Amino acid sequence: TQSTGVFEMIKAVLVISFNGSLKLLKFYQLIDHQTQQKLAKETYKILSKREIYMCSFIEGLPMWGEGTKLIYQQFLRHWFAFIVDESESELSILDIIQTFIDALKEVFPKINESDLVFHLEKVHYLLDEIIQGGMVLETQPDLLIQAIRDQKNIENKENPIIEKLKEVKESKLFN
């Protein structure tokens, strides 16, 4: 893969189901669509051969370019995989993955696979709150969750139907 010449901590984030279905693919490098799909398939091939007891990071991924690591965590029969620069701490990236998963649990309290499919814009929003341009912006779960709550409040205020429902609920009709 071609680098943009700028230091990129995180090159890509993938969420892949155990059956190979790609739920999220976000690149922080300029890579054409065909190459992205090829890299996702190769990543799935690697992950699908891993046993549960194996280490959750892999170094030396020629298809991703020299000096990259694959760091992943399993959740909801999916792999949450980050492709990162070799200088990154594996434990720090695992912590970031866990922060992402915790944020998903906050937004979707009874999270399941359909949330990842039908609410992809929210999943991307959460990821963008954590990472932008391959650089980590936020790692503190409390601050991330507060940002999520603030966004929910903004959405509720901007939605006239929700506002009308609140007015009706507060009216004397239901008291």
Protein backbone atom coordinates (compact mmCIF):
# COMPACT_ATOMS: atom_id res chain seq x y z
CA THR A 1 0.00 0.00 0.00
CA GLN A 2 1.06 3.55 -0.62
CA SER A 3 1.68 5.80 2.32
CA THR A 4 0.71 9.44 2.14
CA GLY A 5 4.09 10.35 3.56
CA VAL A 6 2.52 11.53 6.79
CA PHE A 7 3.00 9.53 9.97
CA GLU A 8 -0.06 7.36 10.39
CA MET A 9 -0.56 5.63 13.66
CA ILE A 10 -3.63 3.70 12.55
CA LYS A 11 -3.86 2.67 8.93
CA ALA A 12 -7.28 1.00 8.96
CA VAL A 13 -10.11 -0.27 11.13
CA LEU A 14 -12.13 -3.31 10.14
CA VAL A 15 -15.05 -5.10 11.74
CA ILE A 16 -15.49 -8.51 10.19
CA SER A 17 -18.00 -11.17 11.23
CA PHE A 18 -16.81 -14.70 11.85
CA ASN A 19 -18.49 -15.74 8.58
CA GLY A 20 -16.45 -13.16 6.62
CA SER A 21 -19.06 -10.45 6.23
CA LEU A 22 -17.47 -7.00 6.34
CA LYS A 23 -19.40 -4.70 8.70
CA LEU A 24 -17.02 -1.75 8.85
CA LEU A 25 -14.06 -0.75 6.74
CA LYS A 26 -12.35 2.56 7.38
CA PHE A 27 -8.99 3.45 5.86
CA TYR A 28 -6.81 6.32 6.98
CA GLN A 29 -4.69 6.09 3.84
CA LEU A 30 -5.59 6.82 0.26
CA ILE A 31 -6.22 3.36 -1.21
CA ASP A 32 -8.45 2.45 -4.13
CA HIS A 33 -11.66 0.50 -3.48
CA GLN A 34 -10.47 -2.69 -5.17
CA THR A 35 -7.31 -2.79 -3.03
CA GLN A 36 -9.35 -2.08 0.11
CA GLN A 37 -11.57 -5.08 -0.62
CA LYS A 38 -8.55 -7.27 -1.31
CA LEU A 39 -6.91 -6.22 1.98
CA ALA A 40 -10.14 -6.89 3.87
CA LYS A 41 -10.38 -10.40 2.40
CA GLU A 42 -6.75 -11.14 3.22
CA THR A 43 -7.27 -9.88 6.76
CA TYR A 44 -10.30 -12.15 7.14
CA LYS A 45 -8.24 -15.13 5.92
CA ILE A 46 -5.63 -14.42 8.59
CA LEU A 47 -8.17 -13.90 11.40
CA SER A 48 -10.27 -16.93 10.50
CA LYS A 49 -7.23 -19.19 11.00
CA ARG A 50 -6.53 -17.84 14.49
CA GLU A 51 -7.48 -19.90 17.53
CA ILE A 52 -9.08 -18.27 20.56
CA TYR A 53 -6.00 -18.94 22.74
CA MET A 54 -3.64 -17.17 20.33
CA CYS A 55 -2.18 -13.73 20.85
CA SER A 56 -4.36 -10.88 19.51
CA PHE A 57 -1.68 -9.18 17.51
CA ILE A 58 0.22 -10.20 14.42
CA GLU A 59 3.33 -8.59 12.98
CA GLY A 60 4.74 -8.85 9.50
CA LEU A 61 1.79 -8.39 7.20
CA PRO A 62 3.30 -8.00 3.72
CA MET A 63 -0.02 -7.14 2.08
CA TRP A 64 -0.41 -4.10 4.36
CA GLY A 65 3.10 -2.86 3.79
CA GLU A 66 6.30 -3.09 5.74
CA GLY A 67 6.19 -2.25 9.42
CA THR A 68 2.53 -2.91 10.13
CA LYS A 69 0.73 -4.90 12.79
CA LEU A 70 -2.76 -6.36 13.00
CA ILE A 71 -4.28 -6.00 16.46
CA TYR A 72 -7.74 -7.38 17.10
CA GLN A 73 -10.34 -8.28 19.67
CA GLN A 74 -13.34 -10.59 19.36
CA PHE A 75 -16.78 -9.28 20.29
CA LEU A 76 -20.28 -10.41 19.20
CA ARG A 77 -18.88 -13.05 16.86
CA HIS A 78 -16.89 -10.33 15.09
CA TRP A 79 -13.27 -9.32 14.90
CA PHE A 80 -12.61 -5.67 15.64
CA ALA A 81 -9.29 -5.28 13.86
CA PHE A 82 -6.92 -2.33 13.71
CA ILE A 83 -4.01 -2.18 11.29
CA VAL A 84 -1.34 0.00 12.87
CA ASP A 85 2.16 1.30 12.49
CA GLU A 86 4.86 -0.95 14.00
CA SER A 87 5.76 1.70 16.58
CA GLU A 88 2.38 1.43 18.29
CA SER A 89 1.91 -0.34 21.58
CA GLU A 90 -0.23 -3.44 21.22
CA LEU A 91 -1.79 -2.93 24.65
CA SER A 92 -2.65 0.70 23.89
CA ILE A 93 -4.40 -0.32 20.68
CA LEU A 94 -6.28 -3.10 22.50
CA ASP A 95 -7.38 -0.43 24.98
CA ILE A 96 -8.62 1.74 22.10
CA ILE A 97 -10.53 -1.21 20.64
CA GLN A 98 -12.13 -1.81 24.04
CA THR A 99 -13.05 1.89 24.27
CA PHE A 100 -14.73 1.61 20.85
CA ILE A 101 -16.65 -1.49 21.97
CA ASP A 102 -17.70 0.20 25.24
CA ALA A 103 -18.93 3.22 23.26
CA LEU A 104 -20.98 0.91 21.03
CA LYS A 105 -22.50 -0.67 24.15
CA GLU A 106 -23.41 2.80 25.43
CA VAL A 107 -25.17 3.77 22.20
CA PHE A 108 -26.74 0.34 21.69
CA PRO A 109 -27.42 -1.08 25.19
CA LYS A 110 -28.60 -4.41 23.78
CA ILE A 111 -26.09 -4.39 20.96
CA ASN A 112 -26.32 -7.02 18.25
CA GLU A 113 -25.12 -7.47 14.71
CA SER A 114 -28.06 -5.59 13.19
CA ASP A 115 -26.97 -2.43 15.06
CA LEU A 116 -23.67 -2.56 13.17
CA VAL A 117 -25.53 -2.95 9.88
CA PHE A 118 -28.54 -0.66 10.21
CA HIS A 119 -26.90 2.11 12.22
CA LEU A 120 -23.60 2.32 10.39
CA GLU A 121 -23.60 6.15 10.53
CA LYS A 122 -23.61 5.99 14.35
CA VAL A 123 -20.83 3.41 14.32
CA HIS A 124 -18.76 5.71 12.09
CA TYR A 125 -19.57 8.67 14.34
CA LEU A 126 -18.25 6.76 17.37
CA LEU A 127 -15.12 5.74 15.54
CA ASP A 128 -14.59 9.34 14.39
CA GLU A 129 -14.84 10.50 18.00
CA ILE A 130 -11.91 8.19 18.80
CA ILE A 131 -9.80 8.35 15.62
CA GLN A 132 -9.41 10.89 12.84
CA GLY A 133 -6.85 10.81 10.10
CA GLY A 134 -5.21 7.76 11.65
CA MET A 135 -4.49 9.60 14.89
CA VAL A 136 -6.17 8.84 18.20
CA LEU A 137 -8.23 11.76 19.50
CA GLU A 138 -9.87 10.29 22.56
CA THR A 139 -9.09 7.30 24.74
CA GLN A 140 -10.92 8.17 27.94
CA PRO A 141 -14.22 6.27 27.96
CA ASP A 142 -15.94 8.82 30.22
CA LEU A 143 -15.24 11.72 27.84
CA LEU A 144 -16.26 9.65 24.83
CA ILE A 145 -19.52 8.60 26.46
CA GLN A 146 -20.22 12.24 27.38
CA ALA A 147 -19.68 13.23 23.73
CA ILE A 148 -22.12 10.50 22.70
CA ARG A 149 -24.73 11.75 25.19
CA ASP A 150 -24.23 15.33 23.98
CA GLN A 151 -24.78 14.17 20.39
CA LYS A 152 -27.97 12.35 21.43
CA ASN A 153 -29.24 15.53 23.06
CA ILE A 154 -28.52 17.53 19.91
CA GLU A 155 -30.30 14.93 17.77
CA ASN A 156 -33.32 14.98 20.07
CA LYS A 157 -33.52 18.77 20.00
CA GLU A 158 -33.25 18.85 16.20
CA ASN A 159 -35.98 16.27 15.71
CA PRO A 160 -39.41 17.98 15.72
CA ILE A 161 -41.26 14.70 16.18
CA ILE A 162 -39.39 13.94 19.40
CA GLU A 163 -40.05 17.48 20.61
CA LYS A 164 -43.77 17.12 19.84
CA LEU A 165 -43.92 13.79 21.68
CA LYS A 166 -42.32 15.41 24.72
CA GLU A 167 -44.90 18.22 24.61
CA VAL A 168 -47.77 15.73 24.39
CA LYS A 169 -46.35 13.64 27.21
CA GLU A 170 -45.96 16.70 29.39
CA SER A 171 -49.44 17.99 28.55
CA LYS A 172 -52.41 17.50 30.81
CA LEU A 173 -53.76 14.76 28.55
CA PHE A 174 -51.50 12.20 30.17
CA ASN A 175 -51.45 13.55 33.70
